[in-house]
Amino acid sequence: MSGRGISSGDNVTLVWPTLERLPAYVAALERGWSPDTLRAEAAQEELAHIAADPAAFVAEQVDRQGAGPPVTLPDGTKAARLPGYRRWIWDGDFCGVIGFRWKQGTEELPPYVLGHIGFSVVPWKRERGYATRALGLLLADVKQEGLRYVELTTKLENVASQHVITANGGQLIERFTTPGEYGEREALRYRIELP
């Protein structure tokens, strides 16, 4: 427990997306949450995709070959999908997503991919330690892909995400300017070594 009497995230697990859990995910999208922290419109796009083919949507959440449709970047351009997957953050109900993407055989990422891991917790479950716990759980899985480290990026003003990353061993490696697709703004890049 924190000093504010809020859960430390100990009851949080990572689950694989399933059709049975999909209604909870849809409910979060309908409440205005977006899994894409840079594109709020992604929520409506996902709702449309789910309405058209829920089974395909769930199947696309785990794409270890990067065979799925292109990814839409914040400026609306499309880019090739990398191998990756999303896990849902769960405490008995849907809490958010955490995703991992990589290139086979290297820690390097294309310039349009800012980091290996991204996460988003629904607003009504924030400040409970859920993102910190979810990142720690995901890092145990990530080691199985043979990477020596992962990199994560945050906006300068996103202090909450910075705390999540540093609580999991993240070290600040640079302040940089994001590429044009991301609006050319100042951001921070962290690295987490995988022992």
Protein backbone atom coordinates (compact mmCIF):
# COMPACT_ATOMS: atom_id res chain seq x y z
CA MET A 1 0.00 0.00 0.00
CA SER A 2 1.14 3.50 -0.72
CA GLY A 3 0.75 6.27 1.80
CA ARG A 4 -2.47 7.26 0.05
CA GLY A 5 -4.09 3.88 0.73
CA ILE A 6 -4.06 2.84 -2.93
CA SER A 7 -3.24 -0.67 -4.13
CA SER A 8 0.37 -1.38 -5.06
CA GLY A 9 -0.69 -3.39 -8.10
CA ASP A 10 0.01 -6.76 -6.44
CA ASN A 11 -3.30 -8.16 -7.72
CA VAL A 12 -2.47 -7.27 -11.33
CA THR A 13 -1.72 -9.92 -13.92
CA LEU A 14 -1.12 -9.92 -17.64
CA VAL A 15 -3.61 -11.92 -19.68
CA TRP A 16 -3.74 -12.81 -23.35
CA PRO A 17 -6.55 -11.12 -25.25
CA THR A 18 -9.52 -13.46 -25.74
CA LEU A 19 -13.05 -13.21 -27.09
CA GLU A 20 -14.35 -13.88 -23.57
CA ARG A 21 -12.49 -10.83 -22.21
CA LEU A 22 -13.20 -8.64 -25.24
CA PRO A 23 -16.40 -7.02 -23.82
CA ALA A 24 -14.34 -5.47 -20.99
CA TYR A 25 -11.88 -4.08 -23.54
CA VAL A 26 -14.75 -2.68 -25.63
CA ALA A 27 -16.27 -1.06 -22.53
CA ALA A 28 -13.00 0.79 -21.86
CA LEU A 29 -12.85 2.04 -25.46
CA GLU A 30 -16.47 3.19 -25.23
CA ARG A 31 -15.63 5.16 -22.06
CA GLY A 32 -13.11 7.19 -24.07
CA TRP A 33 -9.84 5.42 -23.28
CA SER A 34 -7.43 4.81 -26.16
CA PRO A 35 -4.72 2.13 -26.19
CA ASP A 36 -2.61 4.45 -28.35
CA THR A 37 -1.29 7.24 -26.13
CA LEU A 38 -0.40 9.32 -29.21
CA ARG A 39 -3.59 8.80 -31.24
CA ALA A 40 -6.91 9.15 -29.39
CA GLU A 41 -8.75 8.28 -32.62
CA ALA A 42 -7.33 4.77 -32.40
CA ALA A 43 -10.15 3.94 -29.95
CA GLN A 44 -12.82 4.52 -32.60
CA GLU A 45 -10.78 2.64 -35.21
CA GLU A 46 -10.51 -0.36 -32.88
CA LEU A 47 -14.23 -0.28 -32.06
CA ALA A 48 -15.00 -0.39 -35.79
CA HIS A 49 -12.57 -3.28 -36.31
CA ILE A 50 -14.06 -5.21 -33.38
CA ALA A 51 -17.60 -4.63 -34.67
CA ALA A 52 -16.59 -5.92 -38.12
CA ASP A 53 -14.69 -9.01 -36.96
CA PRO A 54 -14.10 -9.58 -33.24
CA ALA A 55 -12.20 -12.85 -33.74
CA ALA A 56 -9.78 -11.24 -36.21
CA PHE A 57 -9.20 -8.34 -33.82
CA VAL A 58 -8.31 -10.69 -30.96
CA ALA A 59 -6.07 -12.80 -33.21
CA GLU A 60 -4.16 -9.69 -34.37
CA GLN A 61 -3.18 -8.83 -30.78
CA VAL A 62 -0.49 -11.52 -30.97
CA ASP A 63 1.55 -11.25 -34.18
CA ARG A 64 4.97 -12.79 -33.62
CA GLN A 65 5.78 -12.70 -37.33
CA GLY A 66 4.75 -9.07 -37.99
CA ALA A 67 2.34 -10.30 -40.67
CA GLY A 68 -0.58 -8.06 -39.68
CA PRO A 69 -1.75 -4.87 -41.34
CA PRO A 70 0.49 -1.78 -41.37
CA VAL A 71 0.65 0.41 -38.28
CA THR A 72 -0.79 3.93 -38.38
CA LEU A 73 1.68 6.50 -37.05
CA PRO A 74 0.59 9.70 -35.24
CA ASP A 75 0.72 11.76 -38.45
CA GLY A 76 -1.56 9.26 -40.22
CA THR A 77 1.13 7.62 -42.36
CA LYS A 78 1.41 3.83 -42.46
CA ALA A 79 4.48 1.77 -41.60
CA ALA A 80 5.37 -1.92 -41.64
CA ARG A 81 4.32 -3.86 -38.56
CA LEU A 82 7.06 -5.45 -36.48
CA PRO A 83 6.70 -8.79 -34.72
CA GLY A 84 4.98 -8.15 -31.44
CA TYR A 85 2.08 -8.73 -29.11
CA ARG A 86 -0.21 -7.02 -26.65
CA ARG A 87 -1.10 -8.31 -23.22
CA TRP A 88 -4.06 -6.95 -21.30
CA ILE A 89 -3.51 -5.65 -17.79
CA TRP A 90 -6.07 -7.35 -15.57
CA ASP A 91 -7.14 -7.14 -11.93
CA GLY A 92 -10.33 -9.17 -12.35
CA ASP A 93 -11.39 -6.61 -14.95
CA PHE A 94 -9.70 -4.81 -17.82
CA CYS A 95 -7.14 -2.19 -16.68
CA GLY A 96 -5.10 -1.37 -19.80
CA VAL A 97 -2.64 -2.73 -22.34
CA ILE A 98 1.07 -3.30 -22.53
CA GLY A 99 2.68 -4.15 -25.83
CA PHE A 100 6.05 -5.44 -26.94
CA ARG A 101 7.57 -5.23 -30.43
CA TRP A 102 10.99 -6.22 -31.71
CA LYS A 103 13.10 -7.10 -34.74
CA GLN A 104 14.40 -10.64 -34.90
CA GLY A 105 18.06 -11.00 -33.90
CA THR A 106 18.70 -7.40 -32.84
CA GLU A 107 17.82 -4.76 -30.28
CA GLU A 108 17.75 -2.12 -33.03
CA LEU A 109 14.40 -0.71 -34.11
CA PRO A 110 13.43 1.18 -37.28
CA PRO A 111 13.36 4.99 -36.85
CA TYR A 112 9.53 5.03 -36.89
CA VAL A 113 9.38 2.73 -33.82
CA LEU A 114 10.29 4.77 -30.75
CA GLY A 115 10.60 1.87 -28.30
CA HIS A 116 10.18 -1.84 -27.68
CA ILE A 117 7.42 -1.47 -25.08
CA GLY A 118 4.40 0.78 -24.75
CA PHE A 119 1.67 0.78 -22.13
CA SER A 120 -1.57 2.54 -21.28
CA VAL A 121 -3.72 2.15 -18.17
CA VAL A 122 -7.36 3.25 -18.20
CA PRO A 123 -7.79 6.59 -16.36
CA TRP A 124 -10.05 5.15 -13.66
CA LYS A 125 -7.34 2.66 -12.59
CA ARG A 126 -4.29 4.90 -12.63
CA GLU A 127 -2.11 5.74 -9.61
CA ARG A 128 -2.43 2.20 -8.23
CA GLY A 129 0.92 0.79 -9.35
CA TYR A 130 -0.68 -1.18 -12.20
CA ALA A 131 1.65 0.02 -14.96
CA THR A 132 4.74 -0.58 -12.81
CA ARG A 133 3.62 -4.12 -12.03
CA ALA A 134 2.62 -4.81 -15.66
CA LEU A 135 6.01 -3.68 -16.97
CA GLY A 136 7.81 -5.89 -14.45
CA LEU A 137 5.71 -8.89 -15.49
CA LEU A 138 6.26 -8.23 -19.19
CA LEU A 139 10.04 -7.91 -18.79
CA ALA A 140 10.16 -11.53 -17.59
CA ASP A 141 8.53 -12.60 -20.89
CA VAL A 142 10.68 -10.30 -23.02
CA LYS A 143 13.88 -12.04 -21.91
CA GLN A 144 12.73 -15.13 -23.80
CA GLU A 145 13.18 -13.29 -27.12
CA GLY A 146 16.95 -13.12 -26.56
CA LEU A 147 17.26 -9.34 -26.32
CA ARG A 148 20.00 -7.87 -24.11
CA TYR A 149 17.93 -4.76 -23.39
CA VAL A 150 14.74 -2.94 -24.30
CA GLU A 151 14.18 0.76 -24.85
CA LEU A 152 11.14 2.81 -23.92
CA THR A 153 10.41 6.46 -24.63
CA THR A 154 8.25 9.07 -22.95
CA LYS A 155 7.23 12.65 -23.45
CA LEU A 156 9.16 15.10 -21.28
CA GLU A 157 6.03 15.92 -19.29
CA ASN A 158 4.99 12.30 -18.69
CA VAL A 159 6.47 11.97 -15.23
CA ALA A 160 4.20 9.04 -14.33
CA SER A 161 5.60 6.89 -17.16
CA GLN A 162 9.13 7.93 -16.27
CA HIS A 163 8.54 6.64 -12.73
CA VAL A 164 7.14 3.35 -14.05
CA ILE A 165 10.24 2.83 -16.21
CA THR A 166 12.80 3.76 -13.55
CA ALA A 167 11.02 1.58 -10.97
CA ASN A 168 11.75 -1.32 -13.33
CA GLY A 169 15.45 -0.53 -13.70
CA GLY A 170 15.23 1.92 -16.58
CA GLN A 171 18.20 4.23 -17.09
CA LEU A 172 17.85 7.48 -19.02
CA ILE A 173 20.13 7.26 -22.06
CA GLU A 174 19.15 10.34 -24.05
CA ARG A 175 16.95 13.31 -24.61
CA PHE A 176 16.06 13.38 -28.31
CA THR A 177 13.76 14.87 -30.91
CA THR A 178 11.12 12.50 -32.25
CA PRO A 179 10.95 11.98 -36.03
CA GLY A 180 8.51 13.97 -38.16
CA GLU A 181 5.81 11.28 -37.95
CA TYR A 182 5.69 11.99 -34.22
CA GLY A 183 5.67 15.79 -34.45
CA GLU A 184 9.38 16.48 -33.88
CA ARG A 185 9.13 17.05 -30.14
CA GLU A 186 11.53 16.54 -27.30
CA ALA A 187 11.32 13.13 -25.64
CA LEU A 188 13.29 10.88 -23.31
CA ARG A 189 14.69 7.43 -24.14
CA TYR A 190 15.28 4.88 -21.38
CA ARG A 191 17.01 1.51 -21.52
CA ILE A 192 16.28 -1.50 -19.32
CA GLU A 193 18.99 -4.15 -19.31
CA LEU A 194 17.73 -7.73 -19.35
CA PRO A 195 19.99 -9.91 -17.16
